[in-house]
C-alpha atoms as a PDB file:
ATOM      1  CA  MET A   1     -14.257   8.918  18.698  1.00  0.00           C
ATOM      2  CA  SER A   2     -13.694  12.532  18.495  1.00  0.00           C
ATOM      3  CA  PHE A   3     -13.172  14.866  15.399  1.00  0.00           C
ATOM      4  CA  PHE A   4     -11.683  18.373  15.727  1.00  0.00           C
ATOM      5  CA  SER A   5     -12.041  20.722  12.922  1.00  0.00           C
ATOM      6  CA  TRP A   6     -10.559  24.334  12.289  1.00  0.00           C
ATOM      7  CA  SER A   7     -10.148  26.794   9.320  1.00  0.00           C
ATOM      8  CA  ILE A   8      -6.979  28.461   8.113  1.00  0.00           C
ATOM      9  CA  ASP A   9      -7.174  30.775   5.263  1.00  0.00           C
ATOM     10  CA  GLY A  10     -10.433  29.445   4.352  1.00  0.00           C
ATOM     11  CA  LYS A  11      -9.431  25.816   4.216  1.00  0.00           C
ATOM     12  CA  ARG A  12     -11.242  23.392   6.590  1.00  0.00           C
ATOM     13  CA  TYR A  13      -8.988  20.894   8.409  1.00  0.00           C
ATOM     14  CA  TRP A  14     -10.096  17.859  10.394  1.00  0.00           C
ATOM     15  CA  ARG A  15      -8.218  16.022  12.995  1.00  0.00           C
ATOM     16  CA  LEU A  16      -9.172  12.735  14.630  1.00  0.00           C
ATOM     17  CA  GLY A  17      -8.355  12.637  18.370  1.00  0.00           C
ATOM     18  CA  LEU A  18      -6.357   9.866  19.945  1.00  0.00           C
ATOM     19  CA  VAL A  19      -9.433   8.568  21.747  1.00  0.00           C
ATOM     20  CA  MET A  20      -9.795   5.987  18.850  1.00  0.00           C
ATOM     21  CA  PRO A  21      -7.116   6.335  16.350  1.00  0.00           C
ATOM     22  CA  VAL A  22      -8.821   4.340  13.523  1.00  0.00           C
ATOM     23  CA  PHE A  23      -9.874   5.803  10.439  1.00  0.00           C
ATOM     24  CA  LEU A  24     -11.519   3.938   7.690  1.00  0.00           C
ATOM     25  CA  VAL A  25     -11.291   5.234   4.274  1.00  0.00           C
ATOM     26  CA  GLY A  26     -13.217   3.940   1.378  1.00  0.00           C
ATOM     27  CA  LEU A  27     -11.153   3.912  -1.723  1.00  0.00           C
ATOM     28  CA  MET A  28     -13.943   4.709  -3.979  1.00  0.00           C
ATOM     29  CA  GLY A  29     -15.437   7.459  -1.777  1.00  0.00           C
ATOM     30  CA  VAL A  30     -17.035   6.029   1.300  1.00  0.00           C
ATOM     31  CA  SER A  31     -15.629   8.821   3.487  1.00  0.00           C
ATOM     32  CA  SER A  32     -17.148  12.303   3.311  1.00  0.00           C
ATOM     33  CA  VAL A  33     -13.674  13.557   2.355  1.00  0.00           C
ATOM     34  CA  LEU A  34     -13.840  11.214  -0.747  1.00  0.00           C
ATOM     35  CA  LYS A  35     -17.428  11.914  -1.975  1.00  0.00           C
ATOM     36  CA  GLN A  36     -16.193  13.577  -5.134  1.00  0.00           C
ATOM     37  CA  ALA A  37     -14.053  10.305  -6.060  1.00  0.00           C
ATOM     38  CA  ASP A  38     -17.313   8.362  -5.696  1.00  0.00           C
ATOM     39  CA  ALA A  39     -18.998  10.243  -8.426  1.00  0.00           C
ATOM     40  CA  GLN A  40     -16.055   9.669 -10.676  1.00  0.00           C
ATOM     41  CA  THR A  41     -15.677   5.850  -9.974  1.00  0.00           C
ATOM     42  CA  PRO A  42     -18.684   3.621 -10.824  1.00  0.00           C
ATOM     43  CA  THR A  43     -16.925   0.438  -9.531  1.00  0.00           C
ATOM     44  CA  ALA A  44     -17.660  -0.996  -5.988  1.00  0.00           C
ATOM     45  CA  ALA A  45     -15.974   0.241  -2.856  1.00  0.00           C
ATOM     46  CA  SER A  46     -13.358  -1.767  -0.956  1.00  0.00           C
ATOM     47  CA  ALA A  47     -12.085  -0.555   2.444  1.00  0.00           C
ATOM     48  CA  LEU A  48      -8.547   0.849   3.086  1.00  0.00           C
ATOM     49  CA  THR A  49      -7.958   0.889   7.022  1.00  0.00           C
ATOM     50  CA  VAL A  50      -5.317   3.114   8.326  1.00  0.00           C
ATOM     51  CA  ARG A  51      -4.364   3.184  12.102  1.00  0.00           C
ATOM     52  CA  SER A  52      -2.025   5.855  13.527  1.00  0.00           C
ATOM     53  CA  ASP A  53      -1.446   8.040  16.526  1.00  0.00           C
ATOM     54  CA  ILE A  54      -2.757  11.233  14.796  1.00  0.00           C
ATOM     55  CA  GLN A  55      -4.879  11.759  11.467  1.00  0.00           C
ATOM     56  CA  GLU A  56      -5.755  14.723   9.635  1.00  0.00           C
ATOM     57  CA  ALA A  57      -8.071  15.203   6.717  1.00  0.00           C
ATOM     58  CA  ASN A  58      -8.367  18.159   4.509  1.00  0.00           C
ATOM     59  CA  SER A  59     -11.796  18.309   2.789  1.00  0.00           C
ATOM     60  CA  GLU A  60     -10.684  20.783   0.167  1.00  0.00           C
ATOM     61  CA  THR A  61      -7.658  18.826  -1.081  1.00  0.00           C
ATOM     62  CA  GLY A  62      -8.983  15.464  -0.338  1.00  0.00           C
ATOM     63  CA  VAL A  63      -5.682  14.507   1.380  1.00  0.00           C
ATOM     64  CA  ILE A  64      -5.664  12.480   4.415  1.00  0.00           C
ATOM     65  CA  THR A  65      -2.496  12.368   6.590  1.00  0.00           C
ATOM     66  CA  ALA A  66      -1.650   9.815   9.227  1.00  0.00           C
ATOM     67  CA  ARG A  67       1.415  10.275  11.519  1.00  0.00           C
ATOM     68  CA  GLY A  68       2.991   8.049  14.114  1.00  0.00           C
ATOM     69  CA  ASN A  69       2.940   4.211  14.201  1.00  0.00           C
ATOM     70  CA  VAL A  70       0.965   3.941  10.915  1.00  0.00           C
ATOM     71  CA  GLN A  71      -0.630   0.668  10.038  1.00  0.00           C
ATOM     72  CA  VAL A  72      -2.371   0.234   6.713  1.00  0.00           C
ATOM     73  CA  TYR A  73      -4.485  -2.661   5.632  1.00  0.00           C
ATOM     74  CA  TYR A  74      -6.025  -3.184   2.156  1.00  0.00           C
ATOM     75  CA  PRO A  75      -7.563  -6.637   2.066  1.00  0.00           C
ATOM     76  CA  ALA A  76      -8.982  -6.342  -1.336  1.00  0.00           C
ATOM     77  CA  ARG A  77      -5.258  -6.486  -2.652  1.00  0.00           C
ATOM     78  CA  LYS A  78      -3.908  -8.327   0.292  1.00  0.00           C
ATOM     79  CA  ILE A  79      -1.670  -5.594   1.324  1.00  0.00           C
ATOM     80  CA  GLN A  80      -0.463  -4.731   4.820  1.00  0.00           C
ATOM     81  CA  ALA A  81       2.018  -1.997   5.612  1.00  0.00           C
ATOM     82  CA  THR A  82       3.804  -0.047   8.335  1.00  0.00           C
ATOM     83  CA  SER A  83       5.448   3.354   8.226  1.00  0.00           C
ATOM     84  CA  ALA A  84       6.002   6.598  10.194  1.00  0.00           C
ATOM     85  CA  GLN A  85       3.662   8.637   8.013  1.00  0.00           C
ATOM     86  CA  ALA A  86       1.027   7.951   5.433  1.00  0.00           C
ATOM     87  CA  GLN A  87      -0.941  10.328   2.919  1.00  0.00           C
ATOM     88  CA  TYR A  88      -3.629   9.203   0.869  1.00  0.00           C
ATOM     89  CA  PHE A  89      -4.516  11.542  -2.188  1.00  0.00           C
ATOM     90  CA  SER A  90      -7.957  10.716  -2.903  1.00  0.00           C
ATOM     91  CA  ARG A  91      -8.258  12.540  -6.200  1.00  0.00           C
ATOM     92  CA  GLU A  92      -5.188  10.874  -7.616  1.00  0.00           C
ATOM     93  CA  ARG A  93      -5.796   7.625  -5.839  1.00  0.00           C
ATOM     94  CA  ARG A  94      -2.348   7.533  -4.586  1.00  0.00           C
ATOM     95  CA  LEU A  95      -0.984   6.351  -1.081  1.00  0.00           C
ATOM     96  CA  VAL A  96       2.362   7.725  -0.141  1.00  0.00           C
ATOM     97  CA  LEU A  97       4.064   5.912   2.829  1.00  0.00           C
ATOM     98  CA  SER A  98       7.225   7.451   4.367  1.00  0.00           C
ATOM     99  CA  GLY A  99       9.719   6.719   7.190  1.00  0.00           C
ATOM    100  CA  ASN A 100      10.959   3.115   7.619  1.00  0.00           C
ATOM    101  CA  VAL A 101       8.244   1.695   5.337  1.00  0.00           C
ATOM    102  CA  TYR A 102       7.578  -2.095   5.185  1.00  0.00           C
ATOM    103  CA  VAL A 103       5.020  -3.473   2.906  1.00  0.00           C
ATOM    104  CA  LEU A 104       3.761  -7.182   2.696  1.00  0.00           C
ATOM    105  CA  GLN A 105       1.708  -8.346  -0.098  1.00  0.00           C
ATOM    106  CA  ASP A 106       0.832 -12.204  -0.716  1.00  0.00           C
ATOM    107  CA  GLY A 107       3.974 -13.175   1.132  1.00  0.00           C
ATOM    108  CA  ASN A 108       6.161 -10.923  -0.851  1.00  0.00           C
ATOM    109  CA  SER A 109       7.773  -7.793   1.079  1.00  0.00           C
ATOM    110  CA  MET A 110       9.499  -4.623   0.388  1.00  0.00           C
ATOM    111  CA  ARG A 111      11.233  -2.206   2.486  1.00  0.00           C
ATOM    112  CA  ALA A 112      12.089   1.604   1.621  1.00  0.00           C
ATOM    113  CA  GLU A 113      12.103   5.052   3.135  1.00  0.00           C
ATOM    114  CA  ILE A 114       9.406   6.149   0.749  1.00  0.00           C
ATOM    115  CA  MET A 115       6.863   4.172  -1.245  1.00  0.00           C
ATOM    116  CA  THR A 116       4.114   5.241  -3.285  1.00  0.00           C
ATOM    117  CA  TYR A 117       1.279   2.915  -4.041  1.00  0.00           C
ATOM    118  CA  LEU A 118      -0.877   3.778  -7.285  1.00  0.00           C
ATOM    119  CA  VAL A 119      -4.148   2.229  -6.609  1.00  0.00           C
ATOM    120  CA  ASP A 120      -5.568   2.252 -10.077  1.00  0.00           C
ATOM    121  CA  GLU A 121      -2.364   0.552 -11.427  1.00  0.00           C
ATOM    122  CA  GLY A 122      -1.645  -1.637  -8.482  1.00  0.00           C
ATOM    123  CA  ARG A 123       1.810  -0.576  -8.657  1.00  0.00           C
ATOM    124  CA  PHE A 124       4.514   0.373  -5.949  1.00  0.00           C
ATOM    125  CA  ILE A 125       7.308   2.878  -6.535  1.00  0.00           C
ATOM    126  CA  ALA A 126      10.027   2.584  -3.842  1.00  0.00           C
ATOM    127  CA  THR A 127      12.825   5.007  -2.955  1.00  0.00           C
ATOM    128  CA  PRO A 128      15.476   4.248  -0.503  1.00  0.00           C
ATOM    129  CA  GLN A 129      17.078   6.558   2.107  1.00  0.00           C
ATOM    130  CA  GLU A 130      20.166   8.445   0.795  1.00  0.00           C
ATOM    131  CA  GLN A 131      23.239   5.827   0.267  1.00  0.00           C
ATOM    132  CA  GLN A 132      20.867   2.912   0.966  1.00  0.00           C
ATOM    133  CA  GLN A 133      18.919   0.577  -1.205  1.00  0.00           C
ATOM    134  CA  VAL A 134      15.359  -0.797  -1.425  1.00  0.00           C
ATOM    135  CA  GLU A 135      14.924  -4.221  -0.133  1.00  0.00           C
ATOM    136  CA  SER A 136      12.462  -6.743  -1.771  1.00  0.00           C
ATOM    137  CA  ILE A 137      11.775 -10.380  -0.994  1.00  0.00           C
ATOM    138  CA  TYR A 138       9.738 -12.325  -3.628  1.00  0.00           C
ATOM    139  CA  LEU A 139       8.279 -15.704  -3.218  1.00  0.00           C
ATOM    140  CA  VAL A 140       9.226 -17.710  -6.437  1.00  0.00           C
ATOM    141  CA  GLN A 141       7.263 -20.656  -7.243  1.00  0.00           C
ATOM    142  CA  GLU A 142       9.028 -23.639  -8.545  1.00  0.00           C
ATOM    143  CA  SER A 143       7.792 -25.151 -11.904  1.00  0.00           C
ATOM    144  CA  GLU A 144       5.960 -28.108 -12.064  1.00  0.00           C
ATOM    145  CA  GLU A 145       8.144 -29.637 -14.786  1.00  0.00           C
ATOM    146  CA  LYS A 146      11.610 -30.315 -13.496  1.00  0.00           C
ATOM    147  CA  PRO A 147      14.292 -31.616 -15.874  1.00  0.00           C
ATOM    148  CA  GLN A 148      15.405 -35.126 -15.219  1.00  0.00           C
ATOM    149  CA  PRO A 149      18.901 -35.524 -13.990  1.00  0.00           C
ATOM    150  CA  GLN A 150      21.373 -37.058 -16.368  1.00  0.00           C
ATOM    151  CA  PRO A 151      23.961 -39.478 -15.137  1.00  0.00           C
ATOM    152  CA  VAL A 152      27.304 -37.876 -14.942  1.00  0.00           C
ATOM    153  CA  GLY A 153      29.783 -38.864 -17.761  1.00  0.00           C
ATOM    154  CA  VAL A 154      27.072 -40.310 -19.873  1.00  0.00           C
ATOM    155  CA  PRO A 155      26.433 -38.523 -23.308  1.00  0.00           C
ATOM    156  CA  ASN A 156      22.677 -38.013 -24.158  1.00  0.00           C
ATOM    157  CA  GLN A 157      22.296 -40.585 -26.832  1.00  0.00           C
ATOM    158  CA  PRO A 158      19.043 -41.980 -28.410  1.00  0.00           C
ATOM    159  CA  PRO A 159      18.101 -45.400 -27.218  1.00  0.00           C
ATOM    160  CA  VAL A 160      19.373 -48.375 -29.198  1.00  0.00           C
ATOM    161  CA  ASN A 161      16.930 -50.800 -30.986  1.00  0.00           C
ATOM    162  CA  PRO A 162      18.031 -54.502 -30.845  1.00  0.00           C
END
């Protein structure tokens, strides 16, 4: 794995080379980029894995950008996703996926052009491409109590006592 860094206008940028395009980001501050988030959040860390062709991390802004064949795995919330690009905003604890986004969580799925995941709220916000719609498929559990079918043509009457 090889990291490259450079500075522009006093800001330091990091880039992960294609030698090993896997970057593990601890949602609560496991990565050095996210150390500030760790001080603010006392709960245990859970890993968010992002795989992509290219990744960059800005240590000043705390923004991590992944581009090209992005795959996201967040086992703590049973989330898998694919997109063309992903940005994780560590200070806001927000993940923004863009470009042909597909998210799968617990068998439910959603497709959109842009999808924002708010980590603390566990909520997705999906936006479609222009003149398109967001598509969601939800698994709906059947209730345990099913009504008993009534015979056709027989009114519902109380039983007659002989």
